[in-house]
C-alpha atoms as a PDB file:
ATOM      1  CA  MET A   1       0.021   0.139   0.103  1.00  0.00           C
ATOM      2  CA  VAL A   2       2.923   2.566   0.792  1.00  0.00           C
ATOM      3  CA  LEU A   3       4.748   1.335  -2.396  1.00  0.00           C
ATOM      4  CA  ILE A   4       1.797   2.035  -4.546  1.00  0.00           C
ATOM      5  CA  GLY A   5       1.192   5.465  -2.585  1.00  0.00           C
ATOM      6  CA  VAL A   6       4.703   6.387  -3.266  1.00  0.00           C
ATOM      7  CA  TRP A   7       4.352   5.535  -6.727  1.00  0.00           C
ATOM      8  CA  ASN A   8       1.157   7.685  -7.111  1.00  0.00           C
ATOM      9  CA  VAL A   9       3.007  10.632  -5.966  1.00  0.00           C
ATOM     10  CA  VAL A  10       6.159  10.245  -7.665  1.00  0.00           C
ATOM     11  CA  GLY A  11       4.369   9.014 -10.805  1.00  0.00           C
ATOM     12  CA  ARG A  12       2.285  12.278 -10.823  1.00  0.00           C
ATOM     13  CA  TYR A  13       5.052  14.917 -10.532  1.00  0.00           C
ATOM     14  CA  LEU A  14       7.275  12.955 -13.093  1.00  0.00           C
ATOM     15  CA  GLY A  15       4.307  12.483 -15.307  1.00  0.00           C
ATOM     16  CA  ARG A  16       3.782  16.321 -15.234  1.00  0.00           C
ATOM     17  CA  PHE A  17       7.855  16.669 -15.715  1.00  0.00           C
ATOM     18  CA  LEU A  18       7.517  14.167 -18.767  1.00  0.00           C
ATOM     19  CA  GLY A  19       4.340  15.351 -20.037  1.00  0.00           C
ATOM     20  CA  GLN A  20       2.725  12.236 -19.955  1.00  0.00           C
ATOM     21  CA  ASN A  21       0.368  10.471 -17.412  1.00  0.00           C
ATOM     22  CA  ILE A  22       2.438   7.641 -15.793  1.00  0.00           C
ATOM     23  CA  THR A  23      -0.216   6.768 -13.153  1.00  0.00           C
ATOM     24  CA  SER A  24      -3.829   5.887 -13.296  1.00  0.00           C
ATOM     25  CA  ASN A  25      -7.076   6.019 -11.431  1.00  0.00           C
ATOM     26  CA  ALA A  26      -6.746   2.108 -10.991  1.00  0.00           C
ATOM     27  CA  LEU A  27      -3.685   2.346  -8.963  1.00  0.00           C
ATOM     28  CA  ILE A  28      -4.949   5.088  -6.612  1.00  0.00           C
ATOM     29  CA  GLU A  29      -8.112   2.675  -5.912  1.00  0.00           C
ATOM     30  CA  ILE A  30      -5.677  -0.249  -5.439  1.00  0.00           C
ATOM     31  CA  GLN A  31      -4.309   2.134  -2.716  1.00  0.00           C
ATOM     32  CA  TRP A  32      -7.734   2.903  -1.186  1.00  0.00           C
ATOM     33  CA  TYR A  33      -8.605  -0.701  -1.374  1.00  0.00           C
ATOM     34  CA  LEU A  34      -5.901  -1.954   0.471  1.00  0.00           C
ATOM     35  CA  PHE A  35      -6.032   0.771   3.088  1.00  0.00           C
ATOM     36  CA  ASP A  36      -9.994  -0.508   3.471  1.00  0.00           C
ATOM     37  CA  LEU A  37      -8.709  -4.084   3.862  1.00  0.00           C
ATOM     38  CA  VAL A  38      -6.393  -3.275   6.398  1.00  0.00           C
ATOM     39  CA  PHE A  39      -8.927  -1.313   8.465  1.00  0.00           C
ATOM     40  CA  LEU A  40     -11.808  -3.679   7.907  1.00  0.00           C
ATOM     41  CA  LEU A  41     -10.051  -6.840   8.601  1.00  0.00           C
ATOM     42  CA  GLY A  42      -7.949  -5.308  11.292  1.00  0.00           C
ATOM     43  CA  ALA A  43     -10.773  -4.931  13.664  1.00  0.00           C
ATOM     44  CA  ALA A  44     -11.690  -8.287  14.755  1.00  0.00           C
ATOM     45  CA  TYR A  45      -7.523  -9.057  14.889  1.00  0.00           C
ATOM     46  CA  THR A  46      -7.282  -5.424  16.866  1.00  0.00           C
ATOM     47  CA  LEU A  47     -10.136  -6.448  19.492  1.00  0.00           C
ATOM     48  CA  LYS A  48      -8.615  -9.992  19.836  1.00  0.00           C
ATOM     49  CA  HIS A  49      -5.167  -8.272  21.230  1.00  0.00           C
ATOM     50  CA  ASP A  50      -7.379  -5.703  22.990  1.00  0.00           C
ATOM     51  CA  ASP A  51      -5.781  -2.943  21.145  1.00  0.00           C
ATOM     52  CA  HIS A  52      -8.786  -0.752  20.359  1.00  0.00           C
ATOM     53  CA  VAL A  53      -8.499   2.722  21.556  1.00  0.00           C
ATOM     54  CA  ARG A  54     -10.156   3.083  24.855  1.00  0.00           C
ATOM     55  CA  VAL A  55     -10.544   6.220  27.074  1.00  0.00           C
ATOM     56  CA  ASP A  56      -9.697   4.397  30.215  1.00  0.00           C
ATOM     57  CA  ILE A  57      -9.901   6.998  32.897  1.00  0.00           C
ATOM     58  CA  PHE A  58     -11.454   4.539  35.510  1.00  0.00           C
ATOM     59  CA  TYR A  59     -10.704   1.212  33.432  1.00  0.00           C
ATOM     60  CA  LYS A  60      -6.728   1.005  34.110  1.00  0.00           C
ATOM     61  CA  ASP A  61      -7.462   1.132  37.727  1.00  0.00           C
ATOM     62  CA  TRP A  62     -10.272  -1.666  37.923  1.00  0.00           C
ATOM     63  CA  ASN A  63      -9.302  -5.124  38.917  1.00  0.00           C
ATOM     64  CA  PRO A  64      -9.589  -7.927  36.346  1.00  0.00           C
ATOM     65  CA  ARG A  65     -13.197  -9.237  37.017  1.00  0.00           C
ATOM     66  CA  ARG A  66     -14.641  -5.557  36.957  1.00  0.00           C
ATOM     67  CA  LYS A  67     -12.626  -5.419  33.630  1.00  0.00           C
ATOM     68  CA  ALA A  68     -14.134  -8.475  32.373  1.00  0.00           C
ATOM     69  CA  LEU A  69     -17.512  -7.528  33.246  1.00  0.00           C
ATOM     70  CA  ALA A  70     -17.248  -3.988  31.465  1.00  0.00           C
ATOM     71  CA  ASN A  71     -15.713  -5.943  28.087  1.00  0.00           C
ATOM     72  CA  LEU A  72     -18.651  -8.176  28.470  1.00  0.00           C
ATOM     73  CA  LEU A  73     -21.521  -5.714  28.679  1.00  0.00           C
ATOM     74  CA  GLY A  74     -19.659  -3.551  26.253  1.00  0.00           C
ATOM     75  CA  THR A  75     -19.657  -6.464  23.738  1.00  0.00           C
ATOM     76  CA  LEU A  76     -23.053  -7.850  24.455  1.00  0.00           C
ATOM     77  CA  LEU A  77     -24.550  -4.147  24.399  1.00  0.00           C
ATOM     78  CA  PHE A  78     -22.899  -2.132  22.230  1.00  0.00           C
ATOM     79  CA  LEU A  79     -20.371  -4.365  19.712  1.00  0.00           C
ATOM     80  CA  ILE A  80     -22.446  -7.226  18.539  1.00  0.00           C
ATOM     81  CA  PRO A  81     -25.692  -4.787  18.372  1.00  0.00           C
ATOM     82  CA  PHE A  82     -23.680  -2.257  16.230  1.00  0.00           C
ATOM     83  CA  CYS A  83     -22.217  -4.644  13.807  1.00  0.00           C
ATOM     84  CA  CYS A  84     -25.900  -6.327  13.173  1.00  0.00           C
ATOM     85  CA  LEU A  85     -27.312  -3.095  12.380  1.00  0.00           C
ATOM     86  CA  VAL A  86     -24.572  -2.195  10.074  1.00  0.00           C
ATOM     87  CA  ILE A  87     -24.964  -5.364   8.486  1.00  0.00           C
ATOM     88  CA  TYR A  88     -28.669  -5.214   8.333  1.00  0.00           C
ATOM     89  CA  TYR A  89     -28.419  -1.729   6.691  1.00  0.00           C
ATOM     90  CA  SER A  90     -25.900  -2.445   4.396  1.00  0.00           C
ATOM     91  CA  TRP A  91     -26.860  -5.788   2.892  1.00  0.00           C
ATOM     92  CA  GLY A  92     -29.117  -4.334   0.347  1.00  0.00           C
ATOM     93  CA  THR A  93     -26.481  -2.113  -0.975  1.00  0.00           C
ATOM     94  CA  VAL A  94     -23.872  -4.602  -1.014  1.00  0.00           C
ATOM     95  CA  ILE A  95     -26.240  -6.973  -2.464  1.00  0.00           C
ATOM     96  CA  ASN A  96     -27.303  -4.355  -5.115  1.00  0.00           C
ATOM     97  CA  SER A  97     -23.331  -3.665  -5.984  1.00  0.00           C
ATOM     98  CA  TRP A  98     -23.054  -7.357  -6.604  1.00  0.00           C
ATOM     99  CA  ARG A  99     -26.220  -7.392  -9.059  1.00  0.00           C
ATOM    100  CA  ILE A 100     -25.099  -4.595 -11.059  1.00  0.00           C
ATOM    101  CA  GLN A 101     -21.400  -5.535 -10.797  1.00  0.00           C
ATOM    102  CA  GLU A 102     -20.896  -1.888  -9.608  1.00  0.00           C
ATOM    103  CA  MET A 103     -17.927  -0.351 -11.418  1.00  0.00           C
ATOM    104  CA  SER A 104     -16.145   3.320 -10.227  1.00  0.00           C
ATOM    105  CA  PRO A 105     -17.261   5.889 -12.083  1.00  0.00           C
ATOM    106  CA  ASP A 106     -13.566   7.299 -12.713  1.00  0.00           C
ATOM    107  CA  PRO A 107     -12.039   6.315 -15.935  1.00  0.00           C
ATOM    108  CA  ASP A 108      -9.658   3.155 -15.592  1.00  0.00           C
ATOM    109  CA  GLY A 109     -11.573   2.567 -12.162  1.00  0.00           C
ATOM    110  CA  LEU A 110     -11.590  -0.940 -10.323  1.00  0.00           C
ATOM    111  CA  PRO A 111     -14.749  -2.868  -9.506  1.00  0.00           C
ATOM    112  CA  ARG A 112     -16.826  -1.716  -6.416  1.00  0.00           C
ATOM    113  CA  TYR A 113     -18.615  -4.716  -5.484  1.00  0.00           C
ATOM    114  CA  PRO A 114     -15.724  -6.776  -4.203  1.00  0.00           C
ATOM    115  CA  ILE A 115     -14.534  -4.066  -1.535  1.00  0.00           C
ATOM    116  CA  LYS A 116     -18.236  -3.299  -0.397  1.00  0.00           C
ATOM    117  CA  ALA A 117     -18.660  -7.017   0.208  1.00  0.00           C
ATOM    118  CA  MET A 118     -15.880  -6.820   2.807  1.00  0.00           C
ATOM    119  CA  ILE A 119     -17.879  -4.398   4.845  1.00  0.00           C
ATOM    120  CA  LEU A 120     -19.962  -7.487   5.463  1.00  0.00           C
ATOM    121  CA  VAL A 121     -17.213  -9.867   5.807  1.00  0.00           C
ATOM    122  CA  SER A 122     -15.451  -7.781   8.506  1.00  0.00           C
ATOM    123  CA  LEU A 123     -18.344  -7.379  10.603  1.00  0.00           C
ATOM    124  CA  VAL A 124     -19.133 -11.013  10.608  1.00  0.00           C
ATOM    125  CA  LEU A 125     -15.611 -11.515  11.534  1.00  0.00           C
ATOM    126  CA  LEU A 126     -15.897  -8.606  14.372  1.00  0.00           C
ATOM    127  CA  ILE A 127     -18.924 -10.379  15.696  1.00  0.00           C
ATOM    128  CA  LEU A 128     -17.361 -13.985  15.889  1.00  0.00           C
ATOM    129  CA  GLN A 129     -14.266 -12.330  17.923  1.00  0.00           C
ATOM    130  CA  GLY A 130     -16.769 -10.501  20.091  1.00  0.00           C
ATOM    131  CA  ILE A 131     -18.594 -13.489  20.877  1.00  0.00           C
ATOM    132  CA  SER A 132     -15.182 -15.433  21.722  1.00  0.00           C
ATOM    133  CA  GLU A 133     -14.242 -12.199  23.935  1.00  0.00           C
ATOM    134  CA  ALA A 134     -17.676 -12.516  25.487  1.00  0.00           C
ATOM    135  CA  ILE A 135     -16.882 -16.280  26.299  1.00  0.00           C
ATOM    136  CA  LYS A 136     -13.271 -15.056  27.672  1.00  0.00           C
ATOM    137  CA  ASN A 137     -15.106 -12.699  30.046  1.00  0.00           C
ATOM    138  CA  TRP A 138     -17.883 -14.645  31.304  1.00  0.00           C
ATOM    139  CA  ALA A 139     -15.241 -17.314  32.016  1.00  0.00           C
ATOM    140  CA  ILE A 140     -13.071 -14.874  33.922  1.00  0.00           C
ATOM    141  CA  LEU A 141     -16.409 -13.673  35.978  1.00  0.00           C
ATOM    142  CA  THR A 142     -17.348 -17.195  37.020  1.00  0.00           C
ATOM    143  CA  ASN A 143     -13.810 -18.395  37.957  1.00  0.00           C
ATOM    144  CA  LYS A 144     -13.644 -20.551  35.188  1.00  0.00           C
ATOM    145  CA  LEU A 145     -10.475 -18.845  33.533  1.00  0.00           C
ATOM    146  CA  ALA A 146      -7.929 -16.860  35.307  1.00  0.00           C
ATOM    147  CA  PRO A 147      -7.354 -13.448  34.100  1.00  0.00           C
ATOM    148  CA  GLN A 148      -4.378 -12.658  31.956  1.00  0.00           C
ATOM    149  CA  GLU A 149      -1.438 -10.506  33.285  1.00  0.00           C
ATOM    150  CA  GLU A 150      -1.428  -7.394  31.645  1.00  0.00           C
ATOM    151  CA  GLU A 151       1.836  -6.549  29.621  1.00  0.00           C
ATOM    152  CA  SER A 152       3.463  -3.445  30.604  1.00  0.00           C
ATOM    153  CA  ASP A 153       3.654  -1.086  28.210  1.00  0.00           C
ATOM    154  CA  THR A 154       7.044   0.114  27.951  1.00  0.00           C
ATOM    155  CA  GLY A 155       7.297   1.121  24.437  1.00  0.00           C
ATOM    156  CA  ILE A 156       9.911  -1.162  23.316  1.00  0.00           C
END
């Protein structure tokens, strides 16, 4: 993604200097699509490793059981319902995009329907990871699983 981005910038200026277009809308859209994939598919991975951004003014000082309760409630009351709502409201748009084989309106643009489908895929993966986290937090709350020790954030 970074290399394509560098080429898009260098190609734009080099193309102006040479008087030719040496980059394309397809390359720009590939860069966008790759960023989309990192973001969409990284969400469940980030949840698995508990690396989502969190305002932890209170959370950081809580004991592991209280953290597990907060995580369980957050997953059941916010994460899973939010993902289900987005899937529900996105489903028709994604299906229609596949039905018409939606293309980018830009010259040399790429198909849009595969990347739109990744919205649904990423949300399903996020729900599955959320269920896994809910099970883990429930096990901590019922003393069937010992809380994991937190890693020290030394920046190394």
